[in-house]
Protein backbone atom coordinates (compact mmCIF):
# COMPACT_ATOMS: atom_id res chain seq x y z
CA UNK A 1 25.61 -202.70 163.20
CA UNK A 2 25.93 -200.21 160.22
CA UNK A 3 23.62 -197.78 160.60
CA UNK A 4 23.30 -195.15 157.54
CA UNK A 5 20.96 -191.66 157.44
CA UNK A 6 19.70 -191.16 154.70
CA UNK A 7 17.54 -187.82 153.41
CA UNK A 8 16.17 -187.10 150.10
CA UNK A 9 15.44 -184.16 148.65
CA UNK A 10 13.69 -182.85 145.30
CA UNK A 11 15.92 -179.86 143.93
CA UNK A 12 14.25 -176.87 141.95
CA UNK A 13 14.91 -178.49 138.69
CA UNK A 14 13.88 -181.80 139.54
CA UNK A 15 16.84 -183.97 140.02
CA UNK A 16 16.87 -186.05 143.46
CA UNK A 17 19.97 -185.95 145.49
CA UNK A 18 20.44 -187.90 148.47
CA UNK A 19 22.75 -187.00 151.60
CA UNK A 20 23.74 -189.29 153.35
CA UNK A 21 26.41 -189.72 156.59
CA UNK A 22 28.35 -192.83 156.90
CA UNK A 23 30.63 -193.11 159.45
CA UNK A 24 34.81 -193.56 158.35
CA UNK A 25 34.46 -197.21 160.22
CA UNK A 26 32.00 -198.31 157.21
CA UNK A 27 34.45 -196.94 154.67
CA UNK A 28 37.64 -198.10 156.15
CA UNK A 29 35.85 -201.41 156.30
CA UNK A 30 34.52 -201.37 152.43
CA UNK A 31 37.46 -200.31 151.08
CA UNK A 32 39.29 -203.77 153.30
CA UNK A 33 36.17 -205.95 151.86
CA UNK A 34 37.28 -204.41 148.25
CA UNK A 35 35.93 -206.07 145.55
CA UNK A 36 35.35 -209.62 146.94
CA UNK A 37 32.46 -208.61 149.41
CA UNK A 38 29.78 -211.13 149.14
CA UNK A 39 26.93 -208.34 148.22
CA UNK A 40 28.62 -207.13 145.11
CA UNK A 41 26.44 -208.29 141.52
CA UNK A 42 29.20 -210.91 139.53
CA UNK A 43 28.71 -211.50 135.60
CA UNK A 44 25.20 -211.28 135.12
CA UNK A 45 24.06 -211.54 138.55
CA UNK A 46 23.83 -207.15 138.33
CA UNK A 47 21.47 -206.93 135.36
CA UNK A 48 19.02 -209.10 136.38
CA UNK A 49 18.92 -206.79 140.22
CA UNK A 50 19.09 -203.20 138.01
CA UNK A 51 16.17 -204.57 135.70
CA UNK A 52 14.19 -205.63 138.96
CA UNK A 53 15.02 -201.64 140.30
CA UNK A 54 11.34 -199.77 139.99
CA UNK A 55 11.91 -196.41 140.93
CA UNK A 56 15.04 -193.71 141.03
CA UNK A 57 15.00 -193.83 145.28
CA UNK A 58 15.28 -198.13 144.51
CA UNK A 59 18.55 -196.76 141.94
CA UNK A 60 19.77 -194.52 144.55
CA UNK A 61 19.86 -197.62 147.39
CA UNK A 62 21.83 -199.51 144.88
CA UNK A 63 24.70 -197.12 143.55
CA UNK A 64 24.66 -196.22 147.12
CA UNK A 65 25.91 -199.90 148.08
CA UNK A 66 27.96 -200.06 144.72
CA UNK A 67 29.93 -196.58 145.77
CA UNK A 68 30.62 -197.63 148.88
CA UNK A 69 31.76 -201.84 148.31
CA UNK A 70 34.14 -200.07 145.39
CA UNK A 71 35.76 -197.53 148.41
CA UNK A 72 34.33 -193.89 146.87
CA UNK A 73 32.41 -191.83 148.64
CA UNK A 74 29.89 -190.50 146.45
CA UNK A 75 28.22 -190.97 143.04
CA UNK A 76 26.66 -188.48 140.38
CA UNK A 77 24.48 -190.03 137.25
CA UNK A 78 24.03 -187.12 134.75
CA UNK A 79 23.25 -186.57 131.03
CA UNK A 80 26.40 -184.34 129.55
CA UNK A 81 25.65 -181.11 129.30
CA UNK A 82 25.57 -179.07 126.19
CA UNK A 83 27.80 -176.48 125.73
CA UNK A 84 25.26 -173.79 126.39
CA UNK A 85 24.99 -175.45 129.74
CA UNK A 86 25.97 -173.39 132.85
CA UNK A 87 24.46 -175.53 135.53
CA UNK A 88 25.33 -179.32 136.60
CA UNK A 89 22.17 -179.41 138.88
CA UNK A 90 20.41 -178.92 135.94
CA UNK A 91 21.49 -182.47 133.68
CA UNK A 92 21.98 -184.32 136.69
CA UNK A 93 19.83 -187.59 137.47
CA UNK A 94 20.42 -188.56 140.83
CA UNK A 95 22.95 -187.94 143.36
CA UNK A 96 24.02 -188.90 146.95
CA UNK A 97 26.67 -185.54 146.46
CA UNK A 98 26.59 -183.12 149.50
CA UNK A 99 23.77 -180.55 148.37
CA UNK A 100 26.24 -177.89 149.76
CA UNK A 101 29.04 -178.94 147.19
CA UNK A 102 26.54 -179.35 143.86
CA UNK A 103 25.24 -175.85 145.16
CA UNK A 104 28.57 -174.22 145.24
CA UNK A 105 29.85 -175.39 141.66
CA UNK A 106 26.45 -174.09 140.59
CA UNK A 107 27.52 -170.46 142.17
CA UNK A 108 30.44 -170.78 141.55
CA UNK A 109 29.69 -171.48 137.48
CA UNK A 110 32.56 -174.08 138.07
CA UNK A 111 30.86 -176.55 134.54
CA UNK A 112 33.04 -173.86 132.19
CA UNK A 113 35.84 -175.29 133.80
CA UNK A 114 35.47 -179.14 134.35
CA UNK A 115 38.03 -181.24 133.02
CA UNK A 116 35.86 -184.06 133.01
CA UNK A 117 32.86 -182.86 131.22
CA UNK A 118 34.86 -181.99 128.98
CA UNK A 119 36.58 -184.75 127.85
CA UNK A 120 33.13 -186.84 128.61
CA UNK A 121 31.42 -185.03 125.35
CA UNK A 122 35.56 -185.89 123.74
CA UNK A 123 35.01 -189.76 124.65
CA UNK A 124 33.16 -192.99 125.04
CA UNK A 125 35.92 -194.84 127.43
CA UNK A 126 36.38 -194.50 130.95
CA UNK A 127 38.60 -191.78 132.67
CA UNK A 128 39.61 -190.79 135.45
CA UNK A 129 40.45 -186.78 136.70
CA UNK A 130 42.58 -186.32 139.90
CA UNK A 131 41.81 -183.31 142.40
CA UNK A 132 45.59 -181.88 142.18
CA UNK A 133 45.92 -182.50 138.59
CA UNK A 134 42.47 -180.30 137.76
CA UNK A 135 44.23 -177.53 141.21
CA UNK A 136 46.71 -176.69 138.68
CA UNK A 137 45.24 -176.57 135.63
CA UNK A 138 44.90 -172.94 134.75
CA UNK A 139 42.20 -170.59 133.35
CA UNK A 140 39.93 -170.94 136.79
CA UNK A 141 38.65 -167.96 138.82
CA UNK A 142 40.33 -167.19 142.59
CA UNK A 143 36.73 -168.81 143.83
CA UNK A 144 37.46 -172.04 142.41
CA UNK A 145 40.18 -172.54 145.67
CA UNK A 146 36.90 -171.97 147.97
CA UNK A 147 35.42 -175.24 145.58
CA UNK A 148 38.36 -177.13 145.97
CA UNK A 149 38.94 -177.01 149.66
CA UNK A 150 35.56 -178.37 150.06
CA UNK A 151 36.03 -181.19 148.46
CA UNK A 152 39.08 -182.24 150.54
CA UNK A 153 36.98 -181.60 153.41
CA UNK A 154 34.59 -183.80 151.98
CA UNK A 155 37.09 -186.83 151.69
CA UNK A 156 36.78 -186.23 147.56
CA UNK A 157 40.68 -186.24 146.11
CA UNK A 158 39.68 -188.59 142.57
CA UNK A 159 36.46 -188.94 140.71
CA UNK A 160 36.28 -191.58 138.08
CA UNK A 161 34.03 -191.09 134.73
CA UNK A 162 32.13 -193.86 133.50
CA UNK A 163 30.80 -192.42 129.76
CA UNK A 164 27.63 -194.68 128.94
CA UNK A 165 24.29 -194.09 126.80
CA UNK A 166 20.59 -195.04 126.97
CA UNK A 167 18.26 -196.11 123.80
CA UNK A 168 17.23 -193.30 122.26
CA UNK A 169 21.39 -192.24 122.10
CA UNK A 170 21.09 -189.64 125.09
CA UNK A 171 24.40 -189.36 126.14
CA UNK A 172 25.39 -189.54 130.16
CA UNK A 173 27.99 -190.17 132.19
CA UNK A 174 28.06 -192.37 135.99
CA UNK A 175 30.65 -190.46 138.14
CA UNK A 176 32.35 -192.25 140.93
CA UNK A 177 33.88 -189.64 143.72
CA UNK A 178 36.16 -190.22 146.45
CA UNK A 179 39.72 -190.79 148.22
CA UNK A 180 42.79 -190.74 145.59
CA UNK A 181 43.03 -195.14 144.91
CA UNK A 182 43.99 -197.29 142.18
CA UNK A 183 41.20 -198.86 140.32
CA UNK A 184 41.93 -202.36 138.97
CA UNK A 185 41.08 -203.19 135.41
CA UNK A 186 38.59 -205.47 136.96
CA UNK A 187 36.85 -203.29 138.68
CA UNK A 188 37.17 -200.76 136.26
CA UNK A 189 35.43 -202.61 133.56
CA UNK A 190 32.70 -203.94 136.02
CA UNK A 191 31.86 -200.71 137.17
CA UNK A 192 31.45 -199.91 133.21
CA UNK A 193 28.78 -202.37 132.90
CA UNK A 194 26.75 -201.72 136.14
CA UNK A 195 27.35 -197.93 134.44
CA UNK A 196 25.61 -198.95 131.27
CA UNK A 197 22.85 -201.08 132.72
CA UNK A 198 21.96 -198.37 135.51
CA UNK A 199 21.88 -195.29 133.22
CA UNK A 200 19.50 -197.72 130.89
CA UNK A 201 17.31 -198.41 133.79
CA UNK A 202 16.79 -194.77 134.97
CA UNK A 203 16.10 -193.91 131.35
CA UNK A 204 13.66 -196.87 131.27
CA UNK A 205 11.47 -195.75 134.49
CA UNK A 206 12.08 -191.78 133.35
CA UNK A 207 9.88 -192.69 129.66
CA UNK A 208 7.13 -194.66 132.18
CA UNK A 209 6.71 -191.33 133.84
CA UNK A 210 7.07 -189.37 130.36
CA UNK A 211 4.26 -192.08 128.81
CA UNK A 212 2.08 -191.22 131.33
CA UNK A 213 2.63 -187.74 132.88
CA UNK A 214 4.03 -185.58 130.03
CA UNK A 215 1.52 -182.80 128.33
CA UNK A 216 2.67 -180.70 125.97
CA UNK A 217 0.56 -177.56 124.46
CA UNK A 218 -0.73 -176.83 121.52
CA UNK A 219 1.63 -173.69 121.42
CA UNK A 220 4.52 -175.95 122.70
CA UNK A 221 3.97 -178.22 119.80
CA UNK A 222 3.98 -175.39 116.97
CA UNK A 223 7.24 -174.09 118.55
CA UNK A 224 8.99 -177.90 118.35
CA UNK A 225 7.53 -179.13 114.22
CA UNK A 226 9.31 -175.17 113.30
CA UNK A 227 12.50 -175.80 114.99
CA UNK A 228 11.92 -179.37 113.44
CA UNK A 229 11.76 -177.30 110.35
CA UNK A 230 15.35 -175.95 110.84
CA UNK A 231 13.52 -172.15 111.70
CA UNK A 232 15.09 -170.21 114.09
CA UNK A 233 13.29 -168.68 116.99
CA UNK A 234 13.03 -165.58 115.35
CA UNK A 235 11.45 -166.62 112.47
CA UNK A 236 9.32 -168.94 114.74
CA UNK A 237 8.54 -165.67 116.47
CA UNK A 238 7.11 -164.58 113.43
CA UNK A 239 5.27 -167.37 112.12
CA UNK A 240 3.03 -167.65 115.19
CA UNK A 241 2.96 -163.50 115.82
CA UNK A 242 4.90 -164.57 119.19
CA UNK A 243 8.22 -162.60 120.67
CA UNK A 244 11.29 -164.33 120.12
CA UNK A 245 10.96 -164.21 124.31
CA UNK A 246 8.02 -166.33 124.21
CA UNK A 247 9.31 -168.45 121.75
CA UNK A 248 12.33 -169.61 123.73
CA UNK A 249 10.35 -169.84 126.70
CA UNK A 250 8.47 -172.26 125.31
CA UNK A 251 11.26 -174.47 124.06
CA UNK A 252 13.54 -174.13 126.85
CA UNK A 253 9.83 -175.60 129.12
CA UNK A 254 8.88 -178.26 126.61
CA UNK A 255 12.45 -179.39 126.65
CA UNK A 256 12.67 -179.93 130.55
CA UNK A 257 8.69 -181.49 130.16
CA UNK A 258 10.65 -184.28 127.78
CA UNK A 259 13.70 -184.40 129.26
CA UNK A 260 15.85 -183.34 127.07
CA UNK A 261 19.78 -182.02 126.95
CA UNK A 262 19.03 -179.66 124.31
CA UNK A 263 16.42 -178.84 121.47
CA UNK A 264 17.41 -181.20 119.16
CA UNK A 265 17.21 -183.99 121.40
CA UNK A 266 13.78 -182.64 122.44
CA UNK A 267 12.35 -182.59 118.56
CA UNK A 268 13.49 -186.37 118.65
CA UNK A 269 11.98 -187.05 121.24
CA UNK A 270 9.11 -185.79 120.80
CA UNK A 271 8.88 -187.59 117.46
CA UNK A 272 9.79 -190.68 118.85
CA UNK A 273 6.56 -189.92 121.08
CA UNK A 274 3.88 -188.91 118.33
CA UNK A 275 3.84 -185.12 119.81
CA UNK A 276 4.91 -183.85 116.02
CA UNK A 277 5.73 -185.53 113.10
């Protein structure tokens, strides 16, 4: 019998992390079974299965199973960080990446040196990044060696990126990390389809929450309305009689409320939901 230890945490930014401890025997068994495992969704089966997932925790459990079946160690699903974003955790939706790895990544500001994120901003085609290739790239601070050592200790030598987008046009990625291995084309194609359905299901679940729980203040709506009209934070401050710092605070807060990656997307979502016109 295989026993998994599951620990769910909600971070300060609201994303969910699941840290799991699985035996080495489980990983070896899954790699040996490969993509012929009977539990692996095939054809159109995965679409209906994903559609039945009702919560983020349901999706986490599903992704844990997919991650193991394909021989990976961990997964992370995120929206693609805007250039001004400095912390990966700020755009992470769900992950079972060990918390210490994600915290170390953000504490060292590694997002600025991410080959994967840079390529996600440039392509919609799946790709992989090898740890040894990233390690050889220049421009990283000396402290990056500590993070790279942690990746090796956690058995992460390769990351496969699957770019996705939701119905509202928000771009994201499903990232699978683990040992160095060649991913067959058929497996990559299936994972891409799974990634698309999972990301859209997450968006649908999130939309339900936003429709029922999101309440914008009058000031937040005013700031969004003037942003939609093309005004800068400084100009909005003058119009509303506020400081520029306060305007930025309202805009940053409402962006998080709407689960948007930047102000532009926040304006689009606010318009679609009828908060502003």
